[in-house]
Amino acid sequence: MPIERRRLLLALAVLAAGCAATPQILPIQPELELADAATRGAGRALAVEVVDAREDAVVGYRDPGDASTAITAAPEMLDNLQRALEDGYRKLGFAIVPSDAAADVALEVRLTELGYQRAEGGVVRELRTGATLEATSVMPTKTVTAVYRDGQGKDTVLRPTLKTNADILNQHLAAALSKLVSDARLTTP
């Protein structure tokens, strides 16, 4: 067998081995962008509770139809979402209190979607990703419910890596959380 053909076969074998489908557990640690948000807390007490309201813990599959390629979020995801929200509201001047304490604003945030869908077949595949949060804010004079979403669709050739997938979903969550924290309706009586 000629040397060029051996090198080509070796390169293809290495590429195939490097692309083997495996499950992924994504580290979820979104960082909020609040540069344009107005400081409005004035020391008022805010209680935040984050709930995973998704029907399934699986975010998606790296290869559709192959259960061994499941993508899930790391177990500390809710704690990290809670921490990001609390930090964001602290920057806006709120005093964060435990979720069961008396507060001027009681905010429940439900993660209703953390999605990843990669099309089947073909060399170029569409990848659709997104995150959706639903917030209910209870204040003495009113209750506000709102939905915050961020998502995208793009074409891919190779299966995205763990880091790429984590970056994509963290960006979606950061954008949705930033919209939520910036929404003055949730904290203005």
C-alpha atoms as a PDB file:
ATOM      1  CA  MET A   1       0.000   0.000   0.000  1.00  0.00           C
ATOM      2  CA  PRO A   2       1.436   3.411  -0.962  1.00  0.00           C
ATOM      3  CA  ILE A   3       2.594   5.680   1.888  1.00  0.00           C
ATOM      4  CA  GLU A   4       0.146   8.498   1.006  1.00  0.00           C
ATOM      5  CA  ARG A   5      -2.788   6.092   1.176  1.00  0.00           C
ATOM      6  CA  ARG A   6      -1.631   4.748   4.561  1.00  0.00           C
ATOM      7  CA  ARG A   7      -1.304   8.292   5.893  1.00  0.00           C
ATOM      8  CA  LEU A   8      -4.785   9.134   4.607  1.00  0.00           C
ATOM      9  CA  LEU A   9      -6.271   6.024   6.237  1.00  0.00           C
ATOM     10  CA  LEU A  10      -4.437   6.756   9.481  1.00  0.00           C
ATOM     11  CA  ALA A  11      -5.657  10.365   9.466  1.00  0.00           C
ATOM     12  CA  LEU A  12      -9.244   9.215   8.863  1.00  0.00           C
ATOM     13  CA  ALA A  13      -8.972   6.651  11.677  1.00  0.00           C
ATOM     14  CA  VAL A  14      -7.653   9.292  14.097  1.00  0.00           C
ATOM     15  CA  LEU A  15     -10.397  11.696  13.046  1.00  0.00           C
ATOM     16  CA  ALA A  16     -13.074   9.020  13.479  1.00  0.00           C
ATOM     17  CA  ALA A  17     -11.749   8.076  16.923  1.00  0.00           C
ATOM     18  CA  GLY A  18     -11.645  11.741  17.964  1.00  0.00           C
ATOM     19  CA  CYS A  19     -15.258  12.175  16.900  1.00  0.00           C
ATOM     20  CA  ALA A  20     -16.590   9.204  18.841  1.00  0.00           C
ATOM     21  CA  ALA A  21     -19.930  10.073  20.358  1.00  0.00           C
ATOM     22  CA  THR A  22     -19.968  10.205  24.125  1.00  0.00           C
ATOM     23  CA  PRO A  23     -22.301  11.717  26.717  1.00  0.00           C
ATOM     24  CA  GLN A  24     -21.566  15.208  27.992  1.00  0.00           C
ATOM     25  CA  ILE A  25     -22.216  16.782  31.400  1.00  0.00           C
ATOM     26  CA  LEU A  26     -22.126  20.537  30.893  1.00  0.00           C
ATOM     27  CA  PRO A  27     -20.752  22.911  33.527  1.00  0.00           C
ATOM     28  CA  ILE A  28     -23.419  25.634  33.740  1.00  0.00           C
ATOM     29  CA  GLN A  29     -22.014  28.911  35.112  1.00  0.00           C
ATOM     30  CA  PRO A  30     -23.628  31.865  33.308  1.00  0.00           C
ATOM     31  CA  GLU A  31     -22.203  35.359  33.743  1.00  0.00           C
ATOM     32  CA  LEU A  32     -24.762  38.179  33.587  1.00  0.00           C
ATOM     33  CA  GLU A  33     -24.334  41.355  31.541  1.00  0.00           C
ATOM     34  CA  LEU A  34     -25.891  44.213  33.543  1.00  0.00           C
ATOM     35  CA  ALA A  35     -24.048  47.286  32.261  1.00  0.00           C
ATOM     36  CA  ASP A  36     -27.292  48.972  31.155  1.00  0.00           C
ATOM     37  CA  ALA A  37     -29.427  47.967  34.149  1.00  0.00           C
ATOM     38  CA  ALA A  38     -30.428  50.785  36.470  1.00  0.00           C
ATOM     39  CA  THR A  39     -29.648  50.530  40.197  1.00  0.00           C
ATOM     40  CA  ARG A  40     -33.094  50.321  41.786  1.00  0.00           C
ATOM     41  CA  GLY A  41     -32.917  48.118  44.868  1.00  0.00           C
ATOM     42  CA  ALA A  42     -32.287  50.801  47.513  1.00  0.00           C
ATOM     43  CA  GLY A  43     -31.663  48.042  50.058  1.00  0.00           C
ATOM     44  CA  ARG A  44     -35.099  46.425  49.640  1.00  0.00           C
ATOM     45  CA  ALA A  45     -35.220  42.740  50.587  1.00  0.00           C
ATOM     46  CA  LEU A  46     -35.434  40.288  47.691  1.00  0.00           C
ATOM     47  CA  ALA A  47     -35.891  36.522  48.052  1.00  0.00           C
ATOM     48  CA  VAL A  48     -34.953  34.411  45.029  1.00  0.00           C
ATOM     49  CA  GLU A  49     -35.816  30.774  44.431  1.00  0.00           C
ATOM     50  CA  VAL A  50     -34.709  28.879  41.313  1.00  0.00           C
ATOM     51  CA  VAL A  51     -36.604  25.761  40.235  1.00  0.00           C
ATOM     52  CA  ASP A  52     -35.893  23.260  37.464  1.00  0.00           C
ATOM     53  CA  ALA A  53     -39.303  22.950  35.768  1.00  0.00           C
ATOM     54  CA  ARG A  54     -38.084  20.935  32.766  1.00  0.00           C
ATOM     55  CA  GLU A  55     -39.792  17.606  32.107  1.00  0.00           C
ATOM     56  CA  ASP A  56     -36.476  15.864  31.475  1.00  0.00           C
ATOM     57  CA  ALA A  57     -32.931  16.414  32.737  1.00  0.00           C
ATOM     58  CA  VAL A  58     -31.550  15.613  29.263  1.00  0.00           C
ATOM     59  CA  VAL A  59     -30.681  18.820  27.411  1.00  0.00           C
ATOM     60  CA  GLY A  60     -30.366  17.019  24.064  1.00  0.00           C
ATOM     61  CA  TYR A  61     -28.273  14.504  22.158  1.00  0.00           C
ATOM     62  CA  ARG A  62     -25.011  15.044  20.296  1.00  0.00           C
ATOM     63  CA  ASP A  63     -26.303  12.533  17.758  1.00  0.00           C
ATOM     64  CA  PRO A  64     -30.094  12.300  17.464  1.00  0.00           C
ATOM     65  CA  GLY A  65     -31.458   8.845  18.174  1.00  0.00           C
ATOM     66  CA  ASP A  66     -28.325   7.692  20.033  1.00  0.00           C
ATOM     67  CA  ALA A  67     -29.062   7.639  23.769  1.00  0.00           C
ATOM     68  CA  SER A  68     -25.351   7.197  24.537  1.00  0.00           C
ATOM     69  CA  THR A  69     -24.737  10.789  23.345  1.00  0.00           C
ATOM     70  CA  ALA A  70     -26.999  12.458  25.930  1.00  0.00           C
ATOM     71  CA  ILE A  71     -26.157  15.973  27.055  1.00  0.00           C
ATOM     72  CA  THR A  72     -27.070  16.901  30.629  1.00  0.00           C
ATOM     73  CA  ALA A  73     -26.192  19.749  32.979  1.00  0.00           C
ATOM     74  CA  ALA A  74     -23.930  19.320  35.984  1.00  0.00           C
ATOM     75  CA  PRO A  75     -25.782  18.789  39.303  1.00  0.00           C
ATOM     76  CA  GLU A  76     -24.790  22.228  40.623  1.00  0.00           C
ATOM     77  CA  MET A  77     -26.607  24.031  37.787  1.00  0.00           C
ATOM     78  CA  LEU A  78     -29.492  25.350  39.935  1.00  0.00           C
ATOM     79  CA  ASP A  79     -27.095  26.590  42.629  1.00  0.00           C
ATOM     80  CA  ASN A  80     -25.083  28.419  39.954  1.00  0.00           C
ATOM     81  CA  LEU A  81     -28.226  29.984  38.449  1.00  0.00           C
ATOM     82  CA  GLN A  82     -29.321  31.057  41.944  1.00  0.00           C
ATOM     83  CA  ARG A  83     -25.911  32.562  42.664  1.00  0.00           C
ATOM     84  CA  ALA A  84     -25.873  34.457  39.329  1.00  0.00           C
ATOM     85  CA  LEU A  85     -29.333  35.920  39.992  1.00  0.00           C
ATOM     86  CA  GLU A  86     -28.501  36.911  43.560  1.00  0.00           C
ATOM     87  CA  ASP A  87     -25.226  38.533  42.481  1.00  0.00           C
ATOM     88  CA  GLY A  88     -27.035  40.402  39.708  1.00  0.00           C
ATOM     89  CA  TYR A  89     -29.683  41.760  42.059  1.00  0.00           C
ATOM     90  CA  ARG A  90     -27.041  42.698  44.659  1.00  0.00           C
ATOM     91  CA  LYS A  91     -25.343  44.830  41.978  1.00  0.00           C
ATOM     92  CA  LEU A  92     -28.677  46.603  41.506  1.00  0.00           C
ATOM     93  CA  GLY A  93     -28.835  47.459  45.215  1.00  0.00           C
ATOM     94  CA  PHE A  94     -31.106  44.733  46.611  1.00  0.00           C
ATOM     95  CA  ALA A  95     -30.515  42.958  49.923  1.00  0.00           C
ATOM     96  CA  ILE A  96     -30.779  39.220  49.234  1.00  0.00           C
ATOM     97  CA  VAL A  97     -32.618  37.189  51.877  1.00  0.00           C
ATOM     98  CA  PRO A  98     -33.368  33.434  52.053  1.00  0.00           C
ATOM     99  CA  SER A  99     -36.323  32.274  49.952  1.00  0.00           C
ATOM    100  CA  ASP A 100     -38.399  31.485  53.056  1.00  0.00           C
ATOM    101  CA  ALA A 101     -37.773  34.879  54.717  1.00  0.00           C
ATOM    102  CA  ALA A 102     -40.038  37.929  54.634  1.00  0.00           C
ATOM    103  CA  ALA A 103     -39.112  40.063  51.631  1.00  0.00           C
ATOM    104  CA  ASP A 104     -40.271  43.135  49.712  1.00  0.00           C
ATOM    105  CA  VAL A 105     -40.029  41.034  46.559  1.00  0.00           C
ATOM    106  CA  ALA A 106     -40.357  37.230  46.345  1.00  0.00           C
ATOM    107  CA  LEU A 107     -39.044  36.004  43.005  1.00  0.00           C
ATOM    108  CA  GLU A 108     -39.435  32.464  41.717  1.00  0.00           C
ATOM    109  CA  VAL A 109     -37.492  31.649  38.552  1.00  0.00           C
ATOM    110  CA  ARG A 110     -38.315  28.432  36.704  1.00  0.00           C
ATOM    111  CA  LEU A 111     -35.981  26.947  34.124  1.00  0.00           C
ATOM    112  CA  THR A 112     -38.487  25.633  31.589  1.00  0.00           C
ATOM    113  CA  GLU A 113     -36.125  24.894  28.705  1.00  0.00           C
ATOM    114  CA  LEU A 114     -32.454  24.198  28.216  1.00  0.00           C
ATOM    115  CA  GLY A 115     -32.425  22.754  24.738  1.00  0.00           C
ATOM    116  CA  TYR A 116     -30.037  21.267  22.242  1.00  0.00           C
ATOM    117  CA  GLN A 117     -31.190  19.714  18.989  1.00  0.00           C
ATOM    118  CA  ARG A 118     -28.857  18.590  16.240  1.00  0.00           C
ATOM    119  CA  ALA A 119     -30.389  17.499  12.927  1.00  0.00           C
ATOM    120  CA  GLU A 120     -29.823  13.963  11.671  1.00  0.00           C
ATOM    121  CA  GLY A 121     -27.890  12.968   8.564  1.00  0.00           C
ATOM    122  CA  GLY A 122     -25.766  14.850   6.086  1.00  0.00           C
ATOM    123  CA  VAL A 123     -22.361  16.403   6.390  1.00  0.00           C
ATOM    124  CA  VAL A 124     -23.689  19.812   7.436  1.00  0.00           C
ATOM    125  CA  ARG A 125     -26.240  19.624  10.252  1.00  0.00           C
ATOM    126  CA  GLU A 126     -28.393  22.329  11.773  1.00  0.00           C
ATOM    127  CA  LEU A 127     -27.893  22.846  15.512  1.00  0.00           C
ATOM    128  CA  ARG A 128     -30.687  24.585  17.434  1.00  0.00           C
ATOM    129  CA  THR A 129     -30.021  25.625  21.031  1.00  0.00           C
ATOM    130  CA  GLY A 130     -31.861  27.729  23.570  1.00  0.00           C
ATOM    131  CA  ALA A 131     -32.824  28.537  27.143  1.00  0.00           C
ATOM    132  CA  THR A 132     -36.152  29.730  28.529  1.00  0.00           C
ATOM    133  CA  LEU A 133     -36.873  31.061  32.012  1.00  0.00           C
ATOM    134  CA  GLU A 134     -40.232  31.961  33.502  1.00  0.00           C
ATOM    135  CA  ALA A 135     -40.265  34.369  36.444  1.00  0.00           C
ATOM    136  CA  THR A 136     -43.030  35.175  38.900  1.00  0.00           C
ATOM    137  CA  SER A 137     -42.476  38.137  41.173  1.00  0.00           C
ATOM    138  CA  VAL A 138     -44.741  38.693  44.170  1.00  0.00           C
ATOM    139  CA  MET A 139     -44.810  42.128  45.814  1.00  0.00           C
ATOM    140  CA  PRO A 140     -47.299  43.558  48.328  1.00  0.00           C
ATOM    141  CA  THR A 141     -49.186  45.446  45.610  1.00  0.00           C
ATOM    142  CA  LYS A 142     -48.877  43.202  42.553  1.00  0.00           C
ATOM    143  CA  THR A 143     -47.710  39.953  40.983  1.00  0.00           C
ATOM    144  CA  VAL A 144     -45.818  39.896  37.682  1.00  0.00           C
ATOM    145  CA  THR A 145     -45.092  36.864  35.486  1.00  0.00           C
ATOM    146  CA  ALA A 146     -42.794  37.083  32.476  1.00  0.00           C
ATOM    147  CA  VAL A 147     -40.840  34.785  30.140  1.00  0.00           C
ATOM    148  CA  TYR A 148     -37.229  35.337  29.044  1.00  0.00           C
ATOM    149  CA  ARG A 149     -35.656  33.395  26.185  1.00  0.00           C
ATOM    150  CA  ASP A 150     -32.474  33.267  24.175  1.00  0.00           C
ATOM    151  CA  GLY A 151     -31.626  30.839  21.387  1.00  0.00           C
ATOM    152  CA  GLN A 152     -30.015  30.333  18.025  1.00  0.00           C
ATOM    153  CA  GLY A 153     -29.738  28.037  15.066  1.00  0.00           C
ATOM    154  CA  LYS A 154     -26.546  27.420  13.127  1.00  0.00           C
ATOM    155  CA  ASP A 155     -24.996  24.860  10.811  1.00  0.00           C
ATOM    156  CA  THR A 156     -22.233  22.539  12.033  1.00  0.00           C
ATOM    157  CA  VAL A 157     -20.028  19.975  10.353  1.00  0.00           C
ATOM    158  CA  LEU A 158     -18.365  18.341  13.381  1.00  0.00           C
ATOM    159  CA  ARG A 159     -19.988  17.437  16.675  1.00  0.00           C
ATOM    160  CA  PRO A 160     -19.424  20.363  19.044  1.00  0.00           C
ATOM    161  CA  THR A 161     -17.071  19.661  21.930  1.00  0.00           C
ATOM    162  CA  LEU A 162     -18.025  19.759  25.592  1.00  0.00           C
ATOM    163  CA  LYS A 163     -16.506  23.250  25.921  1.00  0.00           C
ATOM    164  CA  THR A 164     -18.302  24.522  22.817  1.00  0.00           C
ATOM    165  CA  ASN A 165     -21.660  23.158  23.982  1.00  0.00           C
ATOM    166  CA  ALA A 166     -21.156  24.526  27.504  1.00  0.00           C
ATOM    167  CA  ASP A 167     -20.199  27.946  26.101  1.00  0.00           C
ATOM    168  CA  ILE A 168     -23.270  28.039  23.836  1.00  0.00           C
ATOM    169  CA  LEU A 169     -25.743  27.106  26.584  1.00  0.00           C
ATOM    170  CA  ASN A 170     -24.062  29.347  29.164  1.00  0.00           C
ATOM    171  CA  GLN A 171     -24.395  32.258  26.704  1.00  0.00           C
ATOM    172  CA  HIS A 172     -28.118  31.542  26.269  1.00  0.00           C
ATOM    173  CA  LEU A 173     -28.688  31.320  30.015  1.00  0.00           C
ATOM    174  CA  ALA A 174     -26.624  34.462  30.657  1.00  0.00           C
ATOM    175  CA  ALA A 175     -28.650  36.407  28.072  1.00  0.00           C
ATOM    176  CA  ALA A 176     -32.009  35.188  29.441  1.00  0.00           C
ATOM    177  CA  LEU A 177     -30.963  35.846  33.067  1.00  0.00           C
ATOM    178  CA  SER A 178     -29.627  39.303  32.152  1.00  0.00           C
ATOM    179  CA  LYS A 179     -32.968  40.197  30.522  1.00  0.00           C
ATOM    180  CA  LEU A 180     -34.771  38.950  33.638  1.00  0.00           C
ATOM    181  CA  VAL A 181     -32.639  40.913  36.117  1.00  0.00           C
ATOM    182  CA  SER A 182     -32.800  44.044  33.930  1.00  0.00           C
ATOM    183  CA  ASP A 183     -36.615  43.916  33.781  1.00  0.00           C
ATOM    184  CA  ALA A 184     -37.709  46.548  36.310  1.00  0.00           C
ATOM    185  CA  ARG A 185     -41.326  45.278  36.215  1.00  0.00           C
ATOM    186  CA  LEU A 186     -40.298  42.338  38.421  1.00  0.00           C
ATOM    187  CA  THR A 187     -39.094  44.530  41.279  1.00  0.00           C
ATOM    188  CA  THR A 188     -41.025  47.814  40.961  1.00  0.00           C
ATOM    189  CA  PRO A 189     -44.159  48.001  43.123  1.00  0.00           C
END
